[in-house]
Amino acid sequence: MGAIKFFIQGIKNFKEVGTFSRSSHFVGKTMTKDKYIDWENAKCIVELGAGDGPITKQILQKMSPDAKLLCFEINDKFCEELHESFGHDNRITIIKDDAKKLGEYIRQAGFEYADAVLSEIPFVIIPEDDIIEESHRCLKKGGNYVQLHYSLVAKKRYERIFGNIEIDFVGLNVPPAFIHICEKQ
């Protein structure tokens, strides 16, 4: 999807999308760093709010051939784009449903828990913690929840749910991004 089409989706559906611009390649590289996700051993990866797939692409490049990606997106146009771009890859399941149900989908895929959860959901405009708490519950011990934000406003939410968190900054993005990395203790 081009920048203009993404911008239009951002304007039409700001509460779903949470931004007017796609995540840069640099955001994807940061969110998928080996120090945050054990790609060699990760078998169940969850992506929340995939948009049109810039992070999805990098996740699929790093995943092992026998791993599974459960990719949640509620925007119709973005789901179409995800199917067009990645539907040929049998490791991905594109889910147009509420991310609060991620535990159900993890079990349906044959797993007890997720090895990692990467999220681009705009939690600054979503006041409830249900999805974050469900992600914590469904994440394996020692697994990381990696969340994209454009500020540090929500940091305390993640500290309350996960405990200590690490912040990684990506200046090469519009707007600049703060990646929150939360390990399940």
Protein backbone atom coordinates (compact mmCIF):
# COMPACT_ATOMS: atom_id res chain seq x y z
CA MET A 1 0.00 0.00 0.00
CA GLY A 2 1.33 3.40 -0.88
CA ALA A 3 1.86 6.29 1.50
CA ILE A 4 -1.18 8.21 0.21
CA LYS A 5 -3.56 5.24 0.62
CA PHE A 6 -2.19 4.63 4.11
CA PHE A 7 -2.65 8.32 4.95
CA ILE A 8 -6.29 8.12 3.79
CA GLN A 9 -6.91 5.07 5.99
CA GLY A 10 -5.31 6.94 8.89
CA ILE A 11 -7.65 9.89 8.41
CA LYS A 12 -10.79 7.78 7.88
CA ASN A 13 -10.07 5.37 10.72
CA PHE A 14 -7.76 7.18 13.14
CA LYS A 15 -9.06 5.29 16.21
CA GLU A 16 -8.15 2.00 14.49
CA VAL A 17 -4.93 3.09 12.79
CA GLY A 18 -3.52 5.61 15.31
CA THR A 19 -1.17 7.27 12.80
CA PHE A 20 -1.10 8.81 9.33
CA SER A 21 2.15 7.24 8.14
CA ARG A 22 3.50 3.72 7.72
CA SER A 23 6.17 2.42 10.08
CA SER A 24 9.63 2.74 8.59
CA HIS A 25 12.02 -0.08 7.80
CA PHE A 26 14.02 1.11 10.82
CA VAL A 27 11.07 0.59 13.18
CA GLY A 28 10.70 -2.96 11.87
CA LYS A 29 14.42 -3.66 12.28
CA THR A 30 14.29 -2.40 15.86
CA MET A 31 11.13 -4.31 16.82
CA THR A 32 12.53 -7.58 15.44
CA LYS A 33 16.03 -7.40 16.95
CA ASP A 34 17.50 -10.75 17.93
CA LYS A 35 18.08 -9.45 21.46
CA TYR A 36 14.30 -9.02 21.88
CA ILE A 37 13.11 -12.24 20.21
CA ASP A 38 14.74 -15.67 20.16
CA TRP A 39 13.96 -16.26 16.48
CA GLU A 40 15.73 -19.61 16.38
CA ASN A 41 13.42 -21.14 19.00
CA ALA A 42 10.23 -19.03 18.62
CA LYS A 43 7.41 -21.16 17.21
CA CYS A 44 4.37 -18.96 17.93
CA ILE A 45 4.66 -15.25 17.22
CA VAL A 46 1.73 -12.84 17.50
CA GLU A 47 1.48 -9.48 15.76
CA LEU A 48 -1.24 -7.07 16.87
CA GLY A 49 -2.39 -4.22 14.63
CA ALA A 50 -0.32 -5.22 11.61
CA GLY A 51 -1.59 -2.40 9.39
CA ASP A 52 -0.51 -3.01 5.81
CA GLY A 53 2.44 -5.16 6.85
CA PRO A 54 5.78 -3.32 7.11
CA ILE A 55 6.60 -5.08 10.40
CA THR A 56 4.94 -8.32 9.23
CA LYS A 57 7.40 -8.51 6.35
CA GLN A 58 10.37 -8.31 8.71
CA ILE A 59 8.87 -10.83 11.13
CA LEU A 60 8.41 -13.34 8.31
CA GLN A 61 12.00 -12.79 7.16
CA LYS A 62 13.30 -13.65 10.64
CA MET A 63 10.94 -16.53 11.50
CA SER A 64 12.04 -20.14 11.15
CA PRO A 65 10.31 -22.28 8.49
CA ASP A 66 8.32 -24.19 11.13
CA ALA A 67 7.14 -21.14 13.11
CA LYS A 68 3.64 -19.67 12.96
CA LEU A 69 2.64 -15.98 12.87
CA LEU A 70 -0.83 -15.01 14.11
CA CYS A 71 -1.41 -11.60 12.58
CA PHE A 72 -4.31 -9.50 13.96
CA GLU A 73 -5.77 -6.55 12.04
CA ILE A 74 -9.31 -5.12 12.16
CA ASN A 75 -9.15 -2.60 9.28
CA ASP A 76 -10.71 -4.08 6.11
CA LYS A 77 -8.34 -2.38 3.65
CA PHE A 78 -5.29 -3.42 5.63
CA CYS A 79 -6.54 -7.03 5.86
CA GLU A 80 -6.91 -7.09 2.07
CA GLU A 81 -3.37 -5.75 1.71
CA LEU A 82 -2.01 -8.35 4.15
CA HIS A 83 -3.71 -11.17 2.21
CA GLU A 84 -2.35 -9.86 -1.10
CA SER A 85 1.17 -9.43 0.24
CA PHE A 86 1.56 -12.46 2.52
CA GLY A 87 -1.34 -14.84 1.88
CA HIS A 88 0.97 -17.19 -0.05
CA ASP A 89 3.11 -17.84 3.06
CA ASN A 90 1.68 -20.83 4.95
CA ARG A 91 3.34 -19.67 8.20
CA ILE A 92 0.97 -16.71 8.59
CA THR A 93 -2.65 -16.64 9.71
CA ILE A 94 -4.30 -13.26 9.13
CA ILE A 95 -7.03 -12.70 11.72
CA LYS A 96 -9.69 -10.01 11.36
CA ASP A 97 -10.89 -10.13 14.94
CA ASP A 98 -10.45 -8.44 18.29
CA ALA A 99 -6.96 -8.91 19.73
CA LYS A 100 -8.61 -9.59 23.13
CA LYS A 101 -9.22 -13.09 21.72
CA LEU A 102 -5.56 -13.82 21.09
CA GLY A 103 -5.53 -16.64 23.65
CA GLU A 104 -8.27 -18.48 21.71
CA TYR A 105 -6.33 -18.18 18.46
CA ILE A 106 -3.07 -19.33 20.07
CA ARG A 107 -4.83 -22.49 21.32
CA GLN A 108 -6.54 -23.04 17.93
CA ALA A 109 -3.10 -22.90 16.28
CA GLY A 110 -1.96 -25.69 18.64
CA PHE A 111 0.14 -23.69 21.10
CA GLU A 112 -0.10 -23.12 24.86
CA TYR A 113 1.44 -19.66 24.73
CA ALA A 114 3.11 -17.15 22.42
CA ASP A 115 6.89 -16.91 22.33
CA ALA A 116 6.68 -13.21 21.45
CA VAL A 117 4.01 -10.55 20.89
CA LEU A 118 4.75 -7.53 18.67
CA SER A 119 2.15 -4.78 18.74
CA GLU A 120 1.47 -1.67 16.70
CA ILE A 121 -1.95 -1.10 18.28
CA PRO A 122 -2.40 2.61 19.16
CA PHE A 123 -2.88 2.20 22.92
CA VAL A 124 -2.54 5.94 23.56
CA ILE A 125 -6.06 6.33 22.12
CA ILE A 126 -7.37 3.05 23.60
CA PRO A 127 -7.90 3.54 27.34
CA GLU A 128 -8.52 -0.11 28.30
CA ASP A 129 -5.71 -2.50 29.22
CA ASP A 130 -7.58 -5.69 28.19
CA ILE A 131 -5.41 -6.47 25.15
CA ILE A 132 -2.16 -5.72 26.97
CA GLU A 133 -3.22 -7.91 29.92
CA GLU A 134 -4.30 -10.72 27.58
CA SER A 135 -0.93 -10.47 25.80
CA HIS A 136 0.82 -10.78 29.17
CA ARG A 137 -1.32 -13.77 30.13
CA CYS A 138 -0.68 -15.56 26.81
CA LEU A 139 3.05 -14.87 26.63
CA LYS A 140 5.53 -17.52 27.77
CA LYS A 141 7.69 -16.74 30.80
CA GLY A 142 10.80 -14.95 29.55
CA GLY A 143 9.06 -13.94 26.31
CA ASN A 144 8.91 -10.33 25.19
CA TYR A 145 6.02 -8.05 24.39
CA VAL A 146 7.31 -5.40 21.94
CA GLN A 147 5.09 -2.32 21.55
CA LEU A 148 5.40 0.60 19.10
CA HIS A 149 4.57 4.09 20.41
CA TYR A 150 5.24 7.66 19.31
CA SER A 151 5.73 8.96 22.86
CA LEU A 152 6.45 7.72 26.38
CA VAL A 153 2.96 8.61 27.66
CA ALA A 154 1.87 4.96 28.05
CA LYS A 155 5.08 3.70 29.68
CA LYS A 156 3.50 3.39 33.12
CA ARG A 157 0.78 1.09 31.72
CA TYR A 158 3.40 -1.43 30.65
CA GLU A 159 5.36 -1.07 33.88
CA ARG A 160 2.17 -1.82 35.86
CA ILE A 161 1.46 -4.97 33.84
CA PHE A 162 4.96 -6.28 33.06
CA GLY A 163 7.22 -4.64 35.64
CA ASN A 164 10.46 -3.13 34.36
CA ILE A 165 10.63 -2.30 30.66
CA GLU A 166 13.30 -1.24 28.20
CA ILE A 167 12.83 1.59 25.70
CA ASP A 168 14.50 1.66 22.29
CA PHE A 169 14.30 4.87 20.23
CA VAL A 170 13.95 5.06 16.43
CA GLY A 171 14.58 8.55 15.09
CA LEU A 172 14.32 7.50 11.45
CA ASN A 173 10.53 7.32 11.36
CA VAL A 174 7.72 9.86 10.91
CA PRO A 175 6.99 10.51 13.70
CA PRO A 176 10.02 9.21 15.67
CA ALA A 177 9.16 6.02 17.54
CA PHE A 178 9.66 4.64 21.03
CA ILE A 179 9.75 0.84 21.15
CA HIS A 180 8.68 -0.53 24.54
CA ILE A 181 10.16 -3.97 25.28
CA CYS A 182 8.46 -5.78 28.15
CA GLU A 183 9.65 -9.17 29.38
CA LYS A 184 7.22 -11.49 31.12
CA GLN A 185 8.82 -12.40 34.45
